[in-house]
């Protein structure tokens, strides 16, 4: 995901995060790529929808928690906008899961549920970190990576005949401006990128888990 002239909108923190999402984001994971393709199975897409709802469909989410920590700070308006956008995304995930029907029967479901709970906890810890910038970095990575995730959700919504609403996340230039303001200095940039990298690692782990579940089902 290269945002063209996006690197001109912010400083090195934005450039580094944008490059990080390009390399380690959802769009580069093999299973996530398969889920966007026309030949993706209904069971795989249903499993992905249930997984995304399990880890990102609860309230408060990562952006809500990060906003709660940043009230009054320079990133608060942007985080509020991200949190409001994810309220709509949670509703969309719920509609897709409802349309998709029951979770596909898969060996090891109990362990999967534990993994989803661990991811929710990890997101909460990132968002509520006492280290300034970590929560914003995680929220920024989520906002950027969600563009690729939304394509999978939209594909599932189309397959299962669930209505889709426009994505209302802040445009990249707003994210770049926030990161440019907060990432002035090596320590601040390291905190932002720590949060972003940790978020992306959790997403890649989720896609790898779903890939293993698809293999276990024989999809």
Protein backbone atom coordinates (compact mmCIF):
# COMPACT_ATOMS: atom_id res chain seq x y z
CA UNK A 1 0.00 0.00 0.00
CA UNK A 2 1.92 3.01 -1.19
CA UNK A 3 0.00 6.22 -0.87
CA UNK A 4 1.68 8.03 -3.75
CA UNK A 5 2.57 11.50 -2.48
CA UNK A 6 1.57 10.59 1.06
CA UNK A 7 5.13 10.82 2.35
CA UNK A 8 5.05 14.55 1.64
CA UNK A 9 2.25 14.99 4.21
CA UNK A 10 4.24 14.03 7.28
CA UNK A 11 7.74 13.45 8.58
CA UNK A 12 9.80 10.35 9.05
CA UNK A 13 7.30 8.67 11.40
CA UNK A 14 4.69 8.62 8.65
CA UNK A 15 7.17 7.44 6.05
CA UNK A 16 8.34 4.62 8.29
CA UNK A 17 4.83 3.52 9.19
CA UNK A 18 3.65 3.68 5.59
CA UNK A 19 6.61 1.51 4.55
CA UNK A 20 5.94 -0.89 7.43
CA UNK A 21 2.34 -1.44 6.31
CA UNK A 22 3.55 -1.91 2.73
CA UNK A 23 5.82 -4.76 3.84
CA UNK A 24 4.05 -6.36 6.80
CA UNK A 25 0.41 -5.38 6.34
CA UNK A 26 -2.57 -7.57 5.61
CA UNK A 27 -2.30 -6.99 1.85
CA UNK A 28 0.95 -9.01 1.70
CA UNK A 29 -0.24 -12.08 3.61
CA UNK A 30 -0.92 -15.04 1.26
CA UNK A 31 -4.16 -16.11 2.94
CA UNK A 32 -5.50 -12.56 3.03
CA UNK A 33 -4.74 -12.27 -0.69
CA UNK A 34 -6.63 -15.51 -1.36
CA UNK A 35 -9.64 -14.23 0.56
CA UNK A 36 -9.89 -11.25 -1.79
CA UNK A 37 -9.91 -13.45 -4.89
CA UNK A 38 -13.03 -14.59 -6.72
CA UNK A 39 -12.30 -18.26 -5.93
CA UNK A 40 -12.27 -17.80 -2.12
CA UNK A 41 -14.57 -20.37 -0.52
CA UNK A 42 -17.67 -19.44 1.42
CA UNK A 43 -16.35 -21.26 4.48
CA UNK A 44 -13.05 -19.38 4.41
CA UNK A 45 -14.78 -16.02 4.06
CA UNK A 46 -17.28 -16.87 6.78
CA UNK A 47 -14.43 -17.92 9.06
CA UNK A 48 -12.61 -14.64 8.36
CA UNK A 49 -15.73 -12.60 9.07
CA UNK A 50 -16.31 -14.39 12.38
CA UNK A 51 -12.63 -13.92 13.30
CA UNK A 52 -12.62 -10.21 12.53
CA UNK A 53 -15.82 -9.79 14.50
CA UNK A 54 -14.26 -11.68 17.42
CA UNK A 55 -11.12 -9.53 17.59
CA UNK A 56 -12.33 -6.15 16.30
CA UNK A 57 -16.11 -6.30 16.71
CA UNK A 58 -16.31 -5.56 20.43
CA UNK A 59 -16.72 -2.18 22.11
CA UNK A 60 -14.59 -0.49 23.29
CA UNK A 61 -12.14 -1.26 20.53
CA UNK A 62 -8.50 -0.29 20.11
CA UNK A 63 -9.30 3.19 18.80
CA UNK A 64 -11.82 3.82 21.61
CA UNK A 65 -9.27 2.85 24.25
CA UNK A 66 -6.53 4.93 22.62
CA UNK A 67 -8.88 7.91 22.46
CA UNK A 68 -9.66 7.49 26.14
CA UNK A 69 -5.95 7.76 26.95
CA UNK A 70 -5.40 10.74 24.64
CA UNK A 71 -8.30 13.04 25.62
CA UNK A 72 -7.05 16.61 25.54
CA UNK A 73 -3.93 15.69 23.57
CA UNK A 74 -3.04 16.63 19.99
CA UNK A 75 -4.07 13.22 18.62
CA UNK A 76 -7.49 13.18 20.32
CA UNK A 77 -9.58 14.61 17.43
CA UNK A 78 -8.04 12.15 14.98
CA UNK A 79 -8.50 9.21 17.36
CA UNK A 80 -12.11 10.25 17.91
CA UNK A 81 -12.65 10.18 14.15
CA UNK A 82 -11.07 6.72 13.89
CA UNK A 83 -13.18 5.45 16.80
CA UNK A 84 -16.36 6.77 15.18
CA UNK A 85 -15.44 5.08 11.91
CA UNK A 86 -14.91 1.77 13.66
CA UNK A 87 -18.35 1.97 15.23
CA UNK A 88 -19.67 1.67 11.68
CA UNK A 89 -17.18 -1.09 10.87
CA UNK A 90 -18.36 -3.12 13.88
CA UNK A 91 -21.92 -2.84 12.61
CA UNK A 92 -20.81 -4.00 9.18
CA UNK A 93 -18.95 -6.98 10.65
CA UNK A 94 -22.05 -7.94 12.63
CA UNK A 95 -24.19 -7.81 9.48
CA UNK A 96 -21.73 -9.94 7.50
CA UNK A 97 -21.46 -12.52 10.27
CA UNK A 98 -25.25 -12.70 10.54
CA UNK A 99 -25.57 -13.16 6.78
CA UNK A 100 -22.75 -15.72 6.67
CA UNK A 101 -24.42 -17.95 9.23
CA UNK A 102 -22.79 -20.27 11.78
CA UNK A 103 -19.05 -20.49 12.25
CA UNK A 104 -17.60 -23.20 9.97
CA UNK A 105 -16.86 -26.38 11.91
CA UNK A 106 -13.10 -26.51 12.38
CA UNK A 107 -10.82 -28.67 14.55
CA UNK A 108 -9.24 -26.84 17.47
CA UNK A 109 -12.00 -24.25 17.96
CA UNK A 110 -11.33 -23.93 21.70
CA UNK A 111 -7.70 -22.99 21.06
CA UNK A 112 -8.83 -20.54 18.40
CA UNK A 113 -11.16 -18.83 20.87
CA UNK A 114 -8.24 -18.48 23.28
CA UNK A 115 -6.14 -16.92 20.51
CA UNK A 116 -8.88 -14.40 19.71
CA UNK A 117 -9.16 -13.43 23.38
CA UNK A 118 -5.38 -12.99 23.54
CA UNK A 119 -5.50 -10.68 20.53
CA UNK A 120 -8.23 -8.56 22.08
CA UNK A 121 -6.11 -8.26 25.21
CA UNK A 122 -3.03 -7.35 23.17
CA UNK A 123 -4.94 -4.59 21.37
CA UNK A 124 -6.20 -3.24 24.69
CA UNK A 125 -2.68 -3.20 26.15
CA UNK A 126 -1.32 -1.35 23.13
CA UNK A 127 -4.10 1.22 23.21
CA UNK A 128 -3.73 1.83 26.95
CA UNK A 129 0.06 1.81 27.04
CA UNK A 130 1.65 4.31 29.42
CA UNK A 131 4.37 4.92 26.86
CA UNK A 132 3.30 8.03 24.91
CA UNK A 133 2.75 7.35 21.22
CA UNK A 134 2.29 3.57 21.37
CA UNK A 135 -1.50 3.71 21.30
CA UNK A 136 -1.54 6.26 18.49
CA UNK A 137 0.94 4.19 16.48
CA UNK A 138 -1.22 1.09 16.89
CA UNK A 139 -4.36 3.02 15.90
CA UNK A 140 -2.60 4.50 12.88
CA UNK A 141 -1.46 1.06 11.72
CA UNK A 142 -4.99 -0.26 12.25
CA UNK A 143 -6.47 2.57 10.17
CA UNK A 144 -4.01 1.99 7.33
CA UNK A 145 -4.18 -1.81 7.42
CA UNK A 146 -7.97 -1.78 7.61
CA UNK A 147 -8.11 -0.62 4.00
CA UNK A 148 -6.90 -4.08 2.92
CA UNK A 149 -9.03 -5.83 5.54
CA UNK A 150 -12.10 -3.92 4.38
CA UNK A 151 -11.67 -5.39 0.88
CA UNK A 152 -12.00 -8.86 2.39
CA UNK A 153 -15.02 -7.80 4.45
CA UNK A 154 -16.61 -6.23 1.37
CA UNK A 155 -15.97 -9.40 -0.64
CA UNK A 156 -17.65 -11.46 2.08
CA UNK A 157 -20.53 -8.99 2.28
CA UNK A 158 -21.07 -9.27 -1.46
CA UNK A 159 -20.96 -13.08 -1.35
CA UNK A 160 -23.41 -13.28 1.55
CA UNK A 161 -25.64 -10.44 0.33
CA UNK A 162 -25.00 -8.13 3.28
CA UNK A 163 -25.30 -4.36 2.71
CA UNK A 164 -22.05 -2.39 2.70
CA UNK A 165 -21.64 1.23 3.75
CA UNK A 166 -18.77 3.55 2.71
CA UNK A 167 -15.57 3.41 4.75
CA UNK A 168 -15.30 6.59 6.82
CA UNK A 169 -11.78 6.35 8.24
CA UNK A 170 -9.75 9.58 8.15
CA UNK A 171 -7.88 10.08 4.88
CA UNK A 172 -4.15 9.22 4.93
CA UNK A 173 -3.10 12.87 4.93
CA UNK A 174 -4.82 13.39 8.29
CA UNK A 175 -3.01 10.39 9.73
CA UNK A 176 0.26 11.69 8.34
CA UNK A 177 -0.32 15.08 9.94
CA UNK A 178 -0.94 13.51 13.35
CA UNK A 179 2.13 11.30 13.10
CA UNK A 180 4.20 14.23 11.92
CA UNK A 181 3.16 16.22 14.99
CA UNK A 182 3.74 13.38 17.45
CA UNK A 183 6.76 11.72 15.89
CA UNK A 184 9.16 14.66 16.21
CA UNK A 185 12.18 13.03 17.79
CA UNK A 186 13.74 9.58 17.86
CA UNK A 187 12.05 8.45 21.09
CA UNK A 188 8.60 9.52 19.92
CA UNK A 189 9.07 7.86 16.55
CA UNK A 190 10.23 4.62 18.20
CA UNK A 191 7.08 4.57 20.37
CA UNK A 192 4.79 5.16 17.41
CA UNK A 193 6.47 2.45 15.36
CA UNK A 194 6.50 0.02 18.29
CA UNK A 195 2.71 0.29 18.50
CA UNK A 196 2.31 0.01 14.75
CA UNK A 197 4.60 -2.99 14.43
CA UNK A 198 2.90 -4.81 17.29
CA UNK A 199 -0.53 -4.24 15.72
CA UNK A 200 0.60 -5.55 12.35
CA UNK A 201 2.19 -8.61 13.98
CA UNK A 202 -1.16 -9.42 15.57
CA UNK A 203 -2.93 -9.08 12.22
CA UNK A 204 -0.44 -11.35 10.48
CA UNK A 205 -0.85 -13.90 13.26
CA UNK A 206 -4.61 -13.76 12.71
CA UNK A 207 -4.31 -14.44 8.97
CA UNK A 208 -1.86 -17.27 9.63
CA UNK A 209 -4.31 -18.79 12.13
CA UNK A 210 -7.13 -18.56 9.59
CA UNK A 211 -4.86 -20.14 6.97
CA UNK A 212 -4.18 -23.05 9.33
CA UNK A 213 -7.91 -23.39 10.05
CA UNK A 214 -8.67 -23.52 6.32
CA UNK A 215 -6.06 -26.27 5.90
CA UNK A 216 -7.56 -28.20 8.83
CA UNK A 217 -10.97 -28.07 7.15
CA UNK A 218 -9.49 -29.11 3.83
CA UNK A 219 -10.71 -25.91 2.11
